[in-house]
Amino acid sequence: MAKTRTATTRRAEIAVLLGAAIREVRQDRHESQMQISERLGINQTVLSRWELGRNLPSLVEIELIDDALRLPPGGILIRAGLVELPDRNSAPTAAALAADPIISIEDKRALLHFYEQAFMAAAERNATKNGNGSRPAGGRDVRGRSRPASR
């Protein structure tokens, strides 16, 4: 019998993925936990527990983490692999980002992922409004389960 994932199990998985992403970005930028925790206005122990996957930050805290790590909105979720995005319909935007000499490669990737997420959200809203209930191909549903891309 297959074991069913519980909300508690999924929450723990998300905490570990998110924590690893926070630590990875912080270390890539050669910043200490103290520097980031001061920017967040929290105790260093709180940040340490997030990085170790022992605690899960709230959505508001995730937004603040993006700011503290100088990521675009949703950047840490993208980095953690918690948001999967399709590659379709992004060619003109990708070309424009690639041509920009000022934006870092990491930020270009994050911006492209954020753009694609916004595209998916708009497609979902339109599908719901039109009453067909269809969803864009790929990505994750609200429970964090992978949605297969239709071919």
C-alpha atoms as a PDB file:
ATOM      1  CA  MET A   1       0.000   0.000   0.000  1.00  0.00           C
ATOM      2  CA  ALA A   2       1.401   3.402  -0.973  1.00  0.00           C
ATOM      3  CA  LYS A   3       1.986   5.837   1.824  1.00  0.00           C
ATOM      4  CA  THR A   4      -0.084   8.998   1.524  1.00  0.00           C
ATOM      5  CA  ARG A   5       1.697  12.262   2.122  1.00  0.00           C
ATOM      6  CA  THR A   6       0.140  14.244   4.897  1.00  0.00           C
ATOM      7  CA  ALA A   7       0.022  18.021   5.195  1.00  0.00           C
ATOM      8  CA  THR A   8       2.564  17.767   8.017  1.00  0.00           C
ATOM      9  CA  THR A   9       4.940  15.754   5.832  1.00  0.00           C
ATOM     10  CA  ARG A  10       4.576  18.185   2.929  1.00  0.00           C
ATOM     11  CA  ARG A  11       5.106  21.139   5.274  1.00  0.00           C
ATOM     12  CA  ALA A  12       8.350  19.552   6.518  1.00  0.00           C
ATOM     13  CA  GLU A  13       9.503  18.938   2.922  1.00  0.00           C
ATOM     14  CA  ILE A  14       8.787  22.561   2.018  1.00  0.00           C
ATOM     15  CA  ALA A  15      10.625  23.806   5.116  1.00  0.00           C
ATOM     16  CA  VAL A  16      13.749  21.839   4.146  1.00  0.00           C
ATOM     17  CA  LEU A  17      13.665  22.984   0.499  1.00  0.00           C
ATOM     18  CA  LEU A  18      13.024  26.599   1.430  1.00  0.00           C
ATOM     19  CA  GLY A  19      15.682  26.575   4.135  1.00  0.00           C
ATOM     20  CA  ALA A  20      18.292  25.153   1.788  1.00  0.00           C
ATOM     21  CA  ALA A  21      17.454  27.826  -0.794  1.00  0.00           C
ATOM     22  CA  ILE A  22      17.749  30.617   1.779  1.00  0.00           C
ATOM     23  CA  ARG A  23      21.128  29.306   2.932  1.00  0.00           C
ATOM     24  CA  GLU A  24      22.340  28.809  -0.661  1.00  0.00           C
ATOM     25  CA  VAL A  25      21.453  32.363  -1.752  1.00  0.00           C
ATOM     26  CA  ARG A  26      22.906  33.842   1.445  1.00  0.00           C
ATOM     27  CA  GLN A  27      26.156  31.931   1.001  1.00  0.00           C
ATOM     28  CA  ASP A  28      26.331  32.725  -2.734  1.00  0.00           C
ATOM     29  CA  ARG A  29      26.226  36.378  -1.750  1.00  0.00           C
ATOM     30  CA  HIS A  30      28.873  35.887   0.946  1.00  0.00           C
ATOM     31  CA  GLU A  31      26.599  37.193   3.676  1.00  0.00           C
ATOM     32  CA  SER A  32      26.344  35.958   7.239  1.00  0.00           C
ATOM     33  CA  GLN A  33      23.215  34.888   9.060  1.00  0.00           C
ATOM     34  CA  MET A  34      23.738  37.930  11.263  1.00  0.00           C
ATOM     35  CA  GLN A  35      23.669  40.320   8.288  1.00  0.00           C
ATOM     36  CA  ILE A  36      20.479  38.806   6.849  1.00  0.00           C
ATOM     37  CA  SER A  37      18.736  38.510  10.223  1.00  0.00           C
ATOM     38  CA  GLU A  38      19.485  42.184  10.934  1.00  0.00           C
ATOM     39  CA  ARG A  39      18.009  43.134   7.563  1.00  0.00           C
ATOM     40  CA  LEU A  40      14.931  41.052   8.387  1.00  0.00           C
ATOM     41  CA  GLY A  41      14.676  42.462  11.898  1.00  0.00           C
ATOM     42  CA  ILE A  42      14.666  38.999  13.449  1.00  0.00           C
ATOM     43  CA  ASN A  43      16.855  37.016  15.822  1.00  0.00           C
ATOM     44  CA  GLN A  44      19.647  35.061  14.133  1.00  0.00           C
ATOM     45  CA  THR A  45      18.289  31.867  15.714  1.00  0.00           C
ATOM     46  CA  VAL A  46      15.032  32.269  13.748  1.00  0.00           C
ATOM     47  CA  LEU A  47      16.963  32.481  10.470  1.00  0.00           C
ATOM     48  CA  SER A  48      19.087  29.498  11.464  1.00  0.00           C
ATOM     49  CA  ARG A  49      15.977  27.412  12.147  1.00  0.00           C
ATOM     50  CA  TRP A  50      14.544  28.388   8.742  1.00  0.00           C
ATOM     51  CA  GLU A  51      17.795  27.433   7.003  1.00  0.00           C
ATOM     52  CA  LEU A  52      17.868  24.075   8.790  1.00  0.00           C
ATOM     53  CA  GLY A  53      14.256  23.387   7.792  1.00  0.00           C
ATOM     54  CA  ARG A  54      13.096  23.246  11.394  1.00  0.00           C
ATOM     55  CA  ASN A  55      10.644  26.117  11.008  1.00  0.00           C
ATOM     56  CA  LEU A  56       8.722  27.392   8.003  1.00  0.00           C
ATOM     57  CA  PRO A  57       8.483  31.146   7.438  1.00  0.00           C
ATOM     58  CA  SER A  58       5.060  32.661   6.805  1.00  0.00           C
ATOM     59  CA  LEU A  59       4.154  34.153   3.429  1.00  0.00           C
ATOM     60  CA  VAL A  60       4.836  37.641   4.781  1.00  0.00           C
ATOM     61  CA  GLU A  61       8.223  36.474   6.040  1.00  0.00           C
ATOM     62  CA  ILE A  62       8.973  34.900   2.645  1.00  0.00           C
ATOM     63  CA  GLU A  63       8.293  38.270   1.023  1.00  0.00           C
ATOM     64  CA  LEU A  64      10.684  39.900   3.498  1.00  0.00           C
ATOM     65  CA  ILE A  65      13.286  37.187   2.829  1.00  0.00           C
ATOM     66  CA  ASP A  66      13.105  38.000  -0.893  1.00  0.00           C
ATOM     67  CA  ASP A  67      13.756  41.650  -0.047  1.00  0.00           C
ATOM     68  CA  ALA A  68      16.587  40.871   2.392  1.00  0.00           C
ATOM     69  CA  LEU A  69      18.297  38.599  -0.146  1.00  0.00           C
ATOM     70  CA  ARG A  70      17.637  41.121  -2.928  1.00  0.00           C
ATOM     71  CA  LEU A  71      15.505  38.695  -4.923  1.00  0.00           C
ATOM     72  CA  PRO A  72      12.433  39.544  -6.997  1.00  0.00           C
ATOM     73  CA  PRO A  73       9.043  38.664  -5.486  1.00  0.00           C
ATOM     74  CA  GLY A  74       8.760  34.891  -5.294  1.00  0.00           C
ATOM     75  CA  GLY A  75      12.467  34.484  -6.006  1.00  0.00           C
ATOM     76  CA  ILE A  76      13.220  32.291  -3.010  1.00  0.00           C
ATOM     77  CA  LEU A  77      10.274  30.006  -3.844  1.00  0.00           C
ATOM     78  CA  ILE A  78      11.613  29.664  -7.382  1.00  0.00           C
ATOM     79  CA  ARG A  79      15.133  28.999  -6.094  1.00  0.00           C
ATOM     80  CA  ALA A  80      13.749  26.320  -3.749  1.00  0.00           C
ATOM     81  CA  GLY A  81      12.039  24.584  -6.665  1.00  0.00           C
ATOM     82  CA  LEU A  82       8.640  25.076  -5.065  1.00  0.00           C
ATOM     83  CA  VAL A  83       7.346  26.884  -8.126  1.00  0.00           C
ATOM     84  CA  GLU A  84       7.755  25.105 -11.456  1.00  0.00           C
ATOM     85  CA  LEU A  85       7.110  27.122 -14.545  1.00  0.00           C
ATOM     86  CA  PRO A  86       6.564  26.255 -18.181  1.00  0.00           C
ATOM     87  CA  ASP A  87       9.027  27.520 -20.771  1.00  0.00           C
ATOM     88  CA  ARG A  88       6.373  28.435 -23.313  1.00  0.00           C
ATOM     89  CA  ASN A  89       5.377  31.987 -24.251  1.00  0.00           C
ATOM     90  CA  SER A  90       8.484  33.509 -22.724  1.00  0.00           C
ATOM     91  CA  ALA A  91      10.786  33.826 -25.760  1.00  0.00           C
ATOM     92  CA  PRO A  92      10.420  37.611 -26.288  1.00  0.00           C
ATOM     93  CA  THR A  93      10.808  38.297 -22.577  1.00  0.00           C
ATOM     94  CA  ALA A  94      13.775  35.934 -22.312  1.00  0.00           C
ATOM     95  CA  ALA A  95      15.442  37.653 -25.274  1.00  0.00           C
ATOM     96  CA  ALA A  96      14.922  41.095 -23.735  1.00  0.00           C
ATOM     97  CA  LEU A  97      16.315  39.940 -20.387  1.00  0.00           C
ATOM     98  CA  ALA A  98      19.277  38.215 -22.025  1.00  0.00           C
ATOM     99  CA  ALA A  99      20.139  41.434 -23.869  1.00  0.00           C
ATOM    100  CA  ASP A 100      20.191  43.554 -20.701  1.00  0.00           C
ATOM    101  CA  PRO A 101      23.832  44.043 -19.628  1.00  0.00           C
ATOM    102  CA  ILE A 102      22.998  45.351 -16.143  1.00  0.00           C
ATOM    103  CA  ILE A 103      20.848  42.542 -14.702  1.00  0.00           C
ATOM    104  CA  SER A 104      22.778  39.585 -13.240  1.00  0.00           C
ATOM    105  CA  ILE A 105      22.238  36.104 -14.684  1.00  0.00           C
ATOM    106  CA  GLU A 106      20.666  34.924 -11.426  1.00  0.00           C
ATOM    107  CA  ASP A 107      18.245  37.860 -11.414  1.00  0.00           C
ATOM    108  CA  LYS A 108      17.447  37.313 -15.107  1.00  0.00           C
ATOM    109  CA  ARG A 109      16.437  33.734 -14.329  1.00  0.00           C
ATOM    110  CA  ALA A 110      14.342  34.814 -11.362  1.00  0.00           C
ATOM    111  CA  LEU A 111      12.643  37.573 -13.361  1.00  0.00           C
ATOM    112  CA  LEU A 112      11.822  35.179 -16.181  1.00  0.00           C
ATOM    113  CA  HIS A 113      10.398  32.653 -13.718  1.00  0.00           C
ATOM    114  CA  PHE A 114       8.336  35.375 -12.039  1.00  0.00           C
ATOM    115  CA  TYR A 115       7.019  36.534 -15.434  1.00  0.00           C
ATOM    116  CA  GLU A 116       6.026  32.982 -16.343  1.00  0.00           C
ATOM    117  CA  GLN A 117       4.280  32.556 -12.978  1.00  0.00           C
ATOM    118  CA  ALA A 118       2.270  35.701 -13.619  1.00  0.00           C
ATOM    119  CA  PHE A 119       1.390  34.374 -17.078  1.00  0.00           C
ATOM    120  CA  MET A 120       0.167  31.083 -15.565  1.00  0.00           C
ATOM    121  CA  ALA A 121      -1.906  32.914 -12.944  1.00  0.00           C
ATOM    122  CA  ALA A 122      -3.530  35.068 -15.644  1.00  0.00           C
ATOM    123  CA  ALA A 123      -4.295  31.972 -17.735  1.00  0.00           C
ATOM    124  CA  GLU A 124      -5.889  30.284 -14.707  1.00  0.00           C
ATOM    125  CA  ARG A 125      -8.014  33.357 -13.949  1.00  0.00           C
ATOM    126  CA  ASN A 126      -9.167  33.517 -17.566  1.00  0.00           C
ATOM    127  CA  ALA A 127      -9.979  29.802 -17.640  1.00  0.00           C
ATOM    128  CA  THR A 128     -11.993  30.112 -14.433  1.00  0.00           C
ATOM    129  CA  LYS A 129     -13.765  33.247 -15.679  1.00  0.00           C
ATOM    130  CA  ASN A 130     -14.618  31.532 -18.974  1.00  0.00           C
ATOM    131  CA  GLY A 131     -16.015  28.581 -17.056  1.00  0.00           C
ATOM    132  CA  ASN A 132     -13.919  25.865 -18.648  1.00  0.00           C
ATOM    133  CA  GLY A 133     -11.859  25.264 -15.511  1.00  0.00           C
ATOM    134  CA  SER A 134      -8.786  24.270 -17.489  1.00  0.00           C
ATOM    135  CA  ARG A 135      -5.335  25.004 -16.155  1.00  0.00           C
ATOM    136  CA  PRO A 136      -2.132  25.904 -17.943  1.00  0.00           C
ATOM    137  CA  ALA A 137       0.186  23.003 -18.697  1.00  0.00           C
ATOM    138  CA  GLY A 138       2.830  21.974 -16.177  1.00  0.00           C
ATOM    139  CA  GLY A 139       3.629  23.616 -12.857  1.00  0.00           C
ATOM    140  CA  ARG A 140       2.204  22.725  -9.470  1.00  0.00           C
ATOM    141  CA  ASP A 141      -1.289  22.747  -8.100  1.00  0.00           C
ATOM    142  CA  VAL A 142      -2.263  24.451  -4.852  1.00  0.00           C
ATOM    143  CA  ARG A 143      -1.295  21.337  -2.879  1.00  0.00           C
ATOM    144  CA  GLY A 144       2.258  21.351  -4.298  1.00  0.00           C
ATOM    145  CA  ARG A 145       1.691  18.309  -6.537  1.00  0.00           C
ATOM    146  CA  SER A 146       3.200  18.350 -10.035  1.00  0.00           C
ATOM    147  CA  ARG A 147       0.817  18.955 -12.896  1.00  0.00           C
ATOM    148  CA  PRO A 148       1.857  17.186 -16.096  1.00  0.00           C
ATOM    149  CA  ALA A 149       2.248  19.329 -19.175  1.00  0.00           C
ATOM    150  CA  SER A 150      -0.274  18.444 -21.857  1.00  0.00           C
ATOM    151  CA  ARG A 151       1.254  17.589 -25.196  1.00  0.00           C
END
